[in-house]
Protein backbone atom coordinates (compact mmCIF):
# COMPACT_ATOMS: atom_id res chain seq x y z
CA MET A 1 -0.07 -0.01 0.09
CA ARG A 2 1.33 3.52 -0.83
CA PRO A 3 1.07 5.82 2.07
CA ILE A 4 -0.75 9.12 1.80
CA HIS A 5 1.84 11.89 2.82
CA LEU A 6 0.21 14.96 4.45
CA ASP A 7 3.35 16.76 5.42
CA GLY A 8 1.66 20.19 4.78
CA VAL A 9 -1.08 19.89 7.21
CA THR A 10 -0.89 22.24 10.16
CA ALA A 11 -1.92 21.87 13.76
CA GLU A 12 -4.63 24.47 13.06
CA GLN A 13 -5.97 22.92 10.01
CA LEU A 14 -6.38 19.71 11.98
CA SER A 15 -8.26 21.55 14.69
CA GLU A 16 -10.45 23.04 12.00
CA LEU A 17 -11.04 19.54 10.29
CA ASP A 18 -11.83 17.93 13.80
CA GLU A 19 -14.42 20.86 14.44
CA LEU A 20 -15.82 20.30 10.93
CA TYR A 21 -16.12 16.40 11.70
CA GLN A 22 -17.91 17.12 14.83
CA THR A 23 -20.32 19.83 13.82
CA THR A 24 -21.26 18.84 9.94
CA HIS A 25 -24.54 17.21 9.23
CA ASP A 26 -23.21 16.24 5.77
CA ALA A 27 -22.42 12.49 5.95
CA ARG A 28 -20.09 12.88 3.08
CA VAL A 29 -18.20 15.73 4.49
CA ARG A 30 -17.82 13.95 7.94
CA ILE A 31 -16.38 10.89 6.15
CA ARG A 32 -13.74 12.95 4.09
CA ALA A 33 -12.87 15.01 7.11
CA LEU A 34 -12.29 11.68 9.12
CA MET A 35 -10.18 10.10 6.30
CA VAL A 36 -7.80 13.10 6.38
CA LEU A 37 -7.83 13.19 10.28
CA LEU A 38 -6.78 9.30 10.40
CA ALA A 39 -4.21 9.71 7.73
CA ALA A 40 -2.66 12.71 9.31
CA GLU A 41 -2.94 11.99 13.14
CA ARG A 42 -2.44 8.18 12.99
CA GLN A 43 -0.50 7.98 9.81
CA MET A 44 -2.68 5.36 8.50
CA VAL A 45 -2.47 4.24 4.81
CA ALA A 46 -5.31 4.61 2.30
CA GLY A 47 -5.94 0.72 2.51
CA GLN A 48 -6.30 0.80 6.31
CA ILE A 49 -8.73 3.96 6.17
CA ALA A 50 -10.85 2.26 3.40
CA SER A 51 -11.30 -0.95 5.59
CA LEU A 52 -12.15 0.89 8.68
CA LEU A 53 -14.66 3.21 6.95
CA ARG A 54 -15.99 0.59 4.50
CA GLN A 55 -14.96 2.52 1.48
CA HIS A 56 -12.96 1.73 -1.58
CA GLU A 57 -9.24 2.56 -1.40
CA GLU A 58 -9.60 4.97 -4.30
CA THR A 59 -12.41 6.83 -2.59
CA VAL A 60 -9.90 7.40 0.38
CA ARG A 61 -7.09 8.78 -2.06
CA ARG A 62 -9.57 10.93 -3.87
CA GLY A 63 -10.95 12.33 -0.58
CA ASN A 64 -7.25 13.21 0.42
CA SER A 65 -6.18 14.53 -2.90
CA ALA A 66 -6.85 18.12 -2.16
CA VAL A 67 -4.99 18.32 1.18
CA PRO A 68 -1.37 20.11 0.66
CA GLY A 69 1.49 17.99 0.90
């Protein structure tokens, strides 16, 4: 599995993502925020995140593609 590199994510951005995850009513936004948080905070790879969230690995990769890094 290729790891997702999120080197450019700051603590402030992670905090904003966590707030978004906690407050959004949009399920897709919540799942995407969680994908980024798992990759950044737990250094999980796309396959691990996909298995945990019952998503396809490519869905996880696309969900994280807009993150700088």
